Protein backbone atom coordinates (compact mmCIF):
# COMPACT_ATOMS: atom_id res chain seq x y z
CA MET A 1 -0.62 -4.62 14.00
CA THR A 2 -0.33 -1.11 15.47
CA TRP A 3 1.15 -0.31 18.86
CA ILE A 4 -2.19 1.11 20.09
CA SER A 5 -4.11 -2.04 19.17
CA ILE A 6 -4.54 -3.17 22.80
CA PHE A 7 -6.85 -0.26 23.58
CA THR A 8 -10.45 -1.21 22.80
CA GLY A 9 -12.91 1.67 22.86
CA LYS A 10 -16.56 1.87 23.84
CA SER A 11 -17.59 0.60 20.41
CA GLY A 12 -15.86 -2.70 21.12
CA PHE A 13 -13.29 -2.05 18.41
CA ALA A 14 -9.70 -0.86 18.42
CA ALA A 15 -6.99 0.45 16.12
CA SER A 16 -6.17 -3.13 15.18
CA SER A 17 -9.74 -3.88 14.06
CA THR A 18 -10.14 -4.40 10.33
CA ALA A 19 -12.93 -3.33 8.00
CA GLU A 20 -14.19 -6.91 7.98
CA ASP A 21 -14.14 -7.00 11.79
CA VAL A 22 -16.29 -3.89 12.23
CA THR A 23 -18.86 -5.01 9.63
CA LYS A 24 -19.11 -8.65 10.66
CA GLY A 25 -22.74 -9.80 10.65
CA ILE A 26 -24.03 -6.63 8.93
CA ASP A 27 -26.24 -7.21 5.89
CA GLY A 28 -25.96 -4.42 3.34
CA THR A 29 -28.30 -5.98 0.81
CA GLY A 30 -30.43 -3.33 -0.89
CA VAL A 31 -28.07 -0.52 0.12
CA THR A 32 -26.30 1.58 -2.53
CA ALA A 33 -23.04 3.39 -1.78
CA ILE A 34 -20.68 5.66 -3.66
CA VAL A 35 -17.01 5.31 -2.69
CA THR A 36 -14.64 7.83 -4.25
CA GLY A 37 -10.96 7.01 -4.63
CA ALA A 38 -11.65 3.28 -4.76
CA THR A 39 -8.82 2.22 -7.07
CA SER A 40 -6.19 1.87 -4.35
CA GLY A 41 -5.48 1.87 -0.64
CA ILE A 42 -8.26 2.21 1.89
CA GLY A 43 -10.75 3.29 -0.78
CA LEU A 44 -10.33 -0.02 -2.57
CA GLU A 45 -10.61 -1.95 0.69
CA THR A 46 -13.71 0.02 1.66
CA ALA A 47 -15.36 -0.83 -1.66
CA ARG A 48 -14.37 -4.49 -1.34
CA VAL A 49 -15.72 -4.91 2.18
CA LEU A 50 -18.96 -3.08 1.41
CA ALA A 51 -19.42 -5.36 -1.60
CA LEU A 52 -18.67 -8.35 0.65
CA ARG A 53 -21.54 -7.26 2.90
CA GLY A 54 -23.96 -7.07 -0.04
CA VAL A 55 -23.85 -3.34 -0.71
CA ASN A 56 -24.24 -2.09 -4.30
CA VAL A 57 -21.01 -0.13 -4.75
CA VAL A 58 -20.49 2.63 -7.31
CA MET A 59 -16.82 3.54 -7.79
CA PRO A 60 -16.19 6.97 -9.34
CA VAL A 61 -12.62 6.97 -10.66
CA ARG A 62 -10.36 9.21 -12.73
CA ASN A 63 -9.16 6.33 -14.87
CA ILE A 64 -11.90 3.99 -16.11
CA GLU A 65 -9.41 1.30 -17.11
CA SER A 66 -7.94 1.21 -13.59
CA GLY A 67 -11.45 1.15 -12.15
CA GLU A 68 -12.45 -1.82 -14.28
CA LYS A 69 -9.35 -3.73 -13.17
CA VAL A 70 -10.27 -3.10 -9.54
CA LYS A 71 -13.83 -4.17 -10.21
CA GLN A 72 -12.59 -7.39 -11.77
CA SER A 73 -10.19 -8.10 -8.90
CA ILE A 74 -12.99 -7.71 -6.35
CA ALA A 75 -15.44 -9.78 -8.42
CA GLU A 76 -12.93 -12.63 -8.67
CA LYS A 77 -12.99 -13.02 -4.89
CA ILE A 78 -16.62 -12.00 -4.37
CA PRO A 79 -18.60 -13.46 -7.31
CA ASN A 80 -21.87 -11.88 -6.16
CA ALA A 81 -20.36 -8.41 -5.79
CA LYS A 82 -22.47 -5.59 -7.23
CA LEU A 83 -20.05 -3.01 -8.60
CA GLU A 84 -20.24 -0.19 -11.12
CA VAL A 85 -17.43 2.05 -12.37
CA MET A 86 -18.04 5.65 -13.40
CA GLU A 87 -15.68 8.47 -14.34
CA LEU A 88 -14.93 11.29 -11.91
CA ASP A 89 -12.03 13.64 -11.24
CA VAL A 90 -12.99 15.22 -7.93
CA SER A 91 -10.46 18.05 -8.42
CA SER A 92 -12.46 19.30 -11.43
CA LEU A 93 -15.82 20.96 -10.84
CA GLU A 94 -16.82 20.24 -14.43
CA SER A 95 -16.12 16.54 -13.88
CA VAL A 96 -18.04 16.56 -10.59
CA ARG A 97 -21.07 18.11 -12.28
CA LYS A 98 -20.89 15.63 -15.16
CA PHE A 99 -20.67 12.65 -12.82
CA ALA A 100 -23.55 13.84 -10.63
CA SER A 101 -25.71 14.47 -13.69
CA GLN A 102 -25.00 11.01 -15.09
CA TYR A 103 -25.61 9.35 -11.74
CA CYS A 104 -28.91 11.10 -11.19
CA SER A 105 -30.03 10.36 -14.76
CA LYS A 106 -29.61 6.64 -14.08
CA GLY A 107 -32.32 6.86 -11.43
CA LEU A 108 -30.16 4.99 -8.95
CA PRO A 109 -30.83 5.29 -5.22
CA LEU A 110 -28.08 6.48 -2.85
CA ASN A 111 -27.92 5.46 0.78
CA ILE A 112 -24.25 6.06 1.56
CA LEU A 113 -21.79 8.62 0.19
CA ILE A 114 -18.17 8.00 1.16
CA LEU A 115 -15.83 10.86 0.28
CA ASN A 116 -12.49 9.08 0.36
CA ALA A 117 -10.53 10.45 -2.62
CA GLY A 118 -7.80 12.88 -1.72
CA ILE A 119 -4.32 14.24 -2.35
CA MET A 120 -1.55 15.02 0.11
CA THR A 121 1.24 17.62 0.25
CA PRO A 122 2.01 18.21 -3.46
CA PRO A 123 4.06 21.22 -4.54
CA PHE A 124 1.94 24.35 -4.97
CA THR A 125 -0.45 23.72 -7.84
CA LEU A 126 -3.73 25.22 -8.99
CA SER A 127 -6.60 23.01 -10.11
CA LYS A 128 -8.37 23.36 -13.45
CA ASP A 129 -10.66 25.80 -11.66
CA ASN A 130 -7.73 27.87 -10.34
CA ILE A 131 -8.13 26.67 -6.75
CA GLU A 132 -5.16 25.43 -4.69
CA LEU A 133 -5.07 21.73 -5.55
CA GLN A 134 -5.35 20.19 -2.06
CA PHE A 135 -8.27 22.40 -1.11
CA ALA A 136 -9.87 21.81 -4.52
CA THR A 137 -9.52 18.03 -4.36
CA ASN A 138 -10.02 17.32 -0.68
CA HIS A 139 -12.81 19.78 0.03
CA VAL A 140 -14.31 21.83 -2.80
CA GLY A 141 -14.98 18.91 -5.16
CA ASN A 142 -16.43 16.85 -2.33
CA PHE A 143 -18.56 19.78 -1.19
CA LEU A 144 -20.08 20.21 -4.65
CA LEU A 145 -20.51 16.46 -5.16
CA THR A 146 -22.40 16.19 -1.87
CA ASN A 147 -24.70 19.08 -2.71
CA LEU A 148 -25.47 17.71 -6.16
CA LEU A 149 -26.32 14.24 -4.80
CA LEU A 150 -28.19 15.37 -1.71
CA ASP A 151 -31.65 15.39 -3.27
CA THR A 152 -31.11 11.80 -4.42
CA MET A 153 -30.04 10.83 -0.90
CA LYS A 154 -33.07 12.56 0.62
CA LYS A 155 -35.40 10.77 -1.78
CA THR A 156 -33.76 7.41 -1.07
CA ALA A 157 -33.95 7.90 2.69
CA LYS A 158 -37.62 8.85 2.49
CA GLU A 159 -38.66 6.03 0.15
CA SER A 160 -36.56 3.28 1.76
CA GLY A 161 -37.04 4.28 5.37
CA LYS A 162 -33.29 3.74 5.82
CA GLU A 163 -30.99 6.33 7.30
CA GLY A 164 -28.66 7.90 4.76
CA ARG A 165 -25.04 8.38 5.74
CA ILE A 166 -22.39 10.77 4.44
CA VAL A 167 -18.87 9.79 5.47
CA ILE A 168 -16.09 12.33 4.98
CA LEU A 169 -12.47 11.31 5.41
CA SER A 170 -10.57 13.93 7.35
CA SER A 171 -7.30 13.39 9.26
CA GLU A 172 -5.65 14.14 12.60
CA VAL A 173 -3.58 16.55 10.54
CA HIS A 174 -6.65 18.83 10.59
CA ARG A 175 -5.05 20.12 13.80
CA VAL A 176 -1.98 21.30 11.85
CA THR A 177 -3.18 24.25 9.82
CA TYR A 178 -2.77 27.94 9.20
CA LYS A 179 -3.51 30.58 11.82
CA GLY A 180 -7.26 31.03 12.00
CA GLY A 181 -7.90 27.54 10.57
CA ILE A 182 -8.80 28.38 6.97
CA MET A 183 -6.77 30.91 4.97
CA PHE A 184 -9.75 32.32 3.08
CA ASP A 185 -8.00 35.46 1.78
CA LYS A 186 -4.77 33.76 0.68
CA LEU A 187 -6.05 30.37 -0.42
CA ASN A 188 -4.32 30.59 -3.80
CA ASP A 189 -1.28 32.61 -2.71
CA GLU A 190 1.83 30.65 -3.66
CA LYS A 191 4.06 32.73 -1.35
CA SER A 192 1.92 31.79 1.67
CA TYR A 193 1.72 28.13 0.69
CA ASN A 194 2.96 25.47 3.08
CA ALA A 195 2.23 21.96 1.78
CA LEU A 196 1.57 20.41 5.21
CA TYR A 197 -0.50 23.35 6.49
CA ALA A 198 -2.48 23.36 3.25
CA TYR A 199 -3.20 19.66 3.71
CA GLY A 200 -4.25 20.27 7.31
CA GLN A 201 -6.44 23.13 6.12
CA SER A 202 -8.21 20.88 3.63
CA LYS A 203 -8.72 18.18 6.26
CA LEU A 204 -10.09 20.77 8.70
CA ALA A 205 -12.49 21.77 5.93
CA ASN A 206 -13.64 18.13 5.75
CA ALA A 207 -14.52 18.09 9.45
CA LEU A 208 -16.22 21.48 9.24
CA HIS A 209 -18.20 20.29 6.20
CA ALA A 210 -19.66 17.39 8.20
CA TYR A 211 -20.35 19.69 11.15
CA GLU A 212 -22.26 22.35 9.19
CA LEU A 213 -23.97 19.82 6.92
CA THR A 214 -25.33 18.10 10.03
CA ARG A 215 -26.82 21.35 11.29
CA ARG A 216 -28.56 21.92 7.99
CA LEU A 217 -29.85 18.34 7.68
CA GLN A 218 -31.19 18.36 11.23
CA GLU A 219 -32.82 21.75 10.71
CA GLU A 220 -34.57 20.27 7.68
CA GLY A 221 -35.51 17.10 9.57
CA VAL A 222 -33.86 14.81 7.02
CA ASN A 223 -32.97 11.21 7.90
CA ILE A 224 -29.33 11.57 6.82
CA THR A 225 -26.23 11.78 8.99
CA ALA A 226 -22.84 13.31 8.18
CA ASN A 227 -19.64 12.45 10.05
CA SER A 228 -15.91 12.88 9.52
CA LEU A 229 -13.08 10.58 10.54
CA HIS A 230 -9.38 9.94 10.83
CA PRO A 231 -8.54 6.60 9.19
CA GLY A 232 -5.17 6.34 10.93
CA VAL A 233 -1.66 6.71 9.63
CA ILE A 234 -1.38 4.14 6.88
CA LYS A 235 1.31 3.16 4.42
CA THR A 236 -0.45 3.99 1.14
CA ASN A 237 0.47 5.98 -1.96
CA LEU A 238 -1.13 9.11 -0.47
CA ALA A 239 2.34 10.19 0.69
CA ARG A 240 3.80 9.80 -2.79
CA HIS A 241 4.65 13.49 -3.14
CA GLY A 242 7.40 13.12 -0.58
CA GLY A 243 8.42 15.72 1.96
CA PHE A 244 8.59 15.31 5.71
CA PHE A 245 5.46 13.18 5.99
CA SER A 246 6.77 10.69 3.45
CA VAL A 247 10.07 10.42 5.34
CA PHE A 248 8.15 9.97 8.60
CA VAL A 249 5.94 7.24 7.10
CA ASN A 250 8.93 5.33 5.78
CA ALA A 251 10.72 5.59 9.13
CA VAL A 252 7.87 4.29 11.28
CA GLN A 253 5.97 2.09 8.82
CA SER A 254 6.28 -1.00 11.04
CA PHE A 255 4.07 0.81 13.58
CA LEU A 256 1.46 1.97 11.09
CA LYS A 257 -1.94 0.51 10.31
CA ASN A 258 -2.23 -1.80 7.36
CA VAL A 259 -4.87 -1.10 4.72
CA PRO A 260 -7.61 -3.39 6.17
CA GLN A 261 -7.18 -1.61 9.52
CA GLY A 262 -7.10 1.76 7.80
CA ALA A 263 -10.46 1.16 6.13
CA ALA A 264 -12.12 0.03 9.36
CA THR A 265 -13.29 3.40 10.67
CA THR A 266 -14.79 4.31 7.30
CA CYS A 267 -16.76 1.06 7.16
CA TYR A 268 -17.77 1.39 10.81
CA VAL A 269 -19.17 4.90 10.32
CA ALA A 270 -20.84 3.91 7.05
CA LEU A 271 -22.56 0.70 8.12
CA HIS A 272 -22.60 -0.01 11.84
CA PRO A 273 -25.98 0.17 13.61
CA GLN A 274 -24.30 1.64 16.71
CA LEU A 275 -24.18 4.95 14.88
CA LYS A 276 -27.86 5.28 14.02
CA GLY A 277 -28.76 8.93 14.44
CA VAL A 278 -25.20 9.99 15.26
CA SER A 279 -24.17 13.01 13.20
CA GLY A 280 -21.71 15.88 13.13
CA GLN A 281 -19.10 13.84 14.98
CA TYR A 282 -15.47 12.91 14.43
CA PHE A 283 -14.21 9.32 14.66
CA ALA A 284 -10.87 7.54 14.94
CA ASP A 285 -10.02 3.85 15.45
CA SER A 286 -13.72 2.98 15.00
CA ASN A 287 -14.62 5.03 18.06
CA LEU A 288 -15.96 8.49 18.78
CA SER A 289 -13.11 10.98 19.08
CA LYS A 290 -12.80 14.72 19.61
CA ALA A 291 -11.91 17.05 16.78
CA SER A 292 -10.03 20.32 17.26
CA GLY A 293 -11.67 23.49 18.49
CA TYR A 294 -11.56 24.91 14.98
CA ALA A 295 -13.43 21.84 13.67
CA ARG A 296 -16.22 22.48 16.18
CA ASP A 297 -16.52 26.22 15.60
CA PRO A 298 -20.03 26.94 14.24
CA GLU A 299 -19.07 30.38 12.91
CA LEU A 300 -16.06 29.01 11.04
CA ALA A 301 -18.20 26.16 9.69
CA LYS A 302 -20.81 28.60 8.40
CA LYS A 303 -18.15 30.87 6.88
CA LEU A 304 -16.55 27.91 5.11
CA TRP A 305 -19.93 26.78 3.78
CA ASP A 306 -20.70 30.20 2.30
CA PHE A 307 -17.17 30.47 0.91
CA SER A 308 -17.49 27.03 -0.70
CA VAL A 309 -20.83 27.89 -2.24
CA LYS A 310 -19.31 30.98 -3.87
CA LEU A 311 -16.32 28.97 -5.12
CA THR A 312 -18.50 26.34 -6.75
CA GLU A 313 -21.05 28.77 -8.15
CA SER A 314 -18.42 30.97 -9.79
CA LYS A 315 -16.67 28.16 -11.67
């Protein structure tokens, strides 16, 4: 249990609330969700709890064998779980395009898109598309995936009459970034690279993505929301690359959220009826929170969108 667990917010939930707590009594039958990064940590717990509530869960994973093992482990405890494993490496634009094409060709509906997969503070590395790896994985791949699946989500929302929801996992570390927020001109400059700032930059991009996507969806009059969130500081393998954050996590792990608590905000934003019509917001501890000034800057959000379009179109 976390030290902030005694503080219950307006939603009725707190930092100590679990994913099962925030979805109790919610029937997800007939709803289809994609959950990226579902083979471990809060992604796995998110997939499990959504399946528990009757949601059809598609798990895009880098390693199909690992995905099938996760599917089996969930099915053993939830016999009626509806789960499907598909291949996706979100750091590769080619892989993102292949997954989206395969998904759309199946004719499946899509009510909820949860962008959970991510990487944290690795040494400077370029992706297959020659984009700094954290920005490529945490933002660019998710940006392209969203755009490629958006028509399917619009169609599903229109035909089902159910609100579509896009849930983007950001982090409180979005406040710890380079000067100006996003280092557009030196994104791939190894000399300017700071692992923590680069992570914060990618998480700021997540919040800005939800912010600008909301503006565009509302302008179009589409029944789809887009929100970002901070899951909490959780002891998972995300900090496996070491560095200061890994040391910090190990030092204070007794005060951190456990995985069921860490998946709560994701499940709350994805399923709870309290959030009907709520879009472009930032959440933490299953409650509305306030993102940084950079994350709420419409000009920066528009600039990032245009920059991301160029990145994905040129690869």
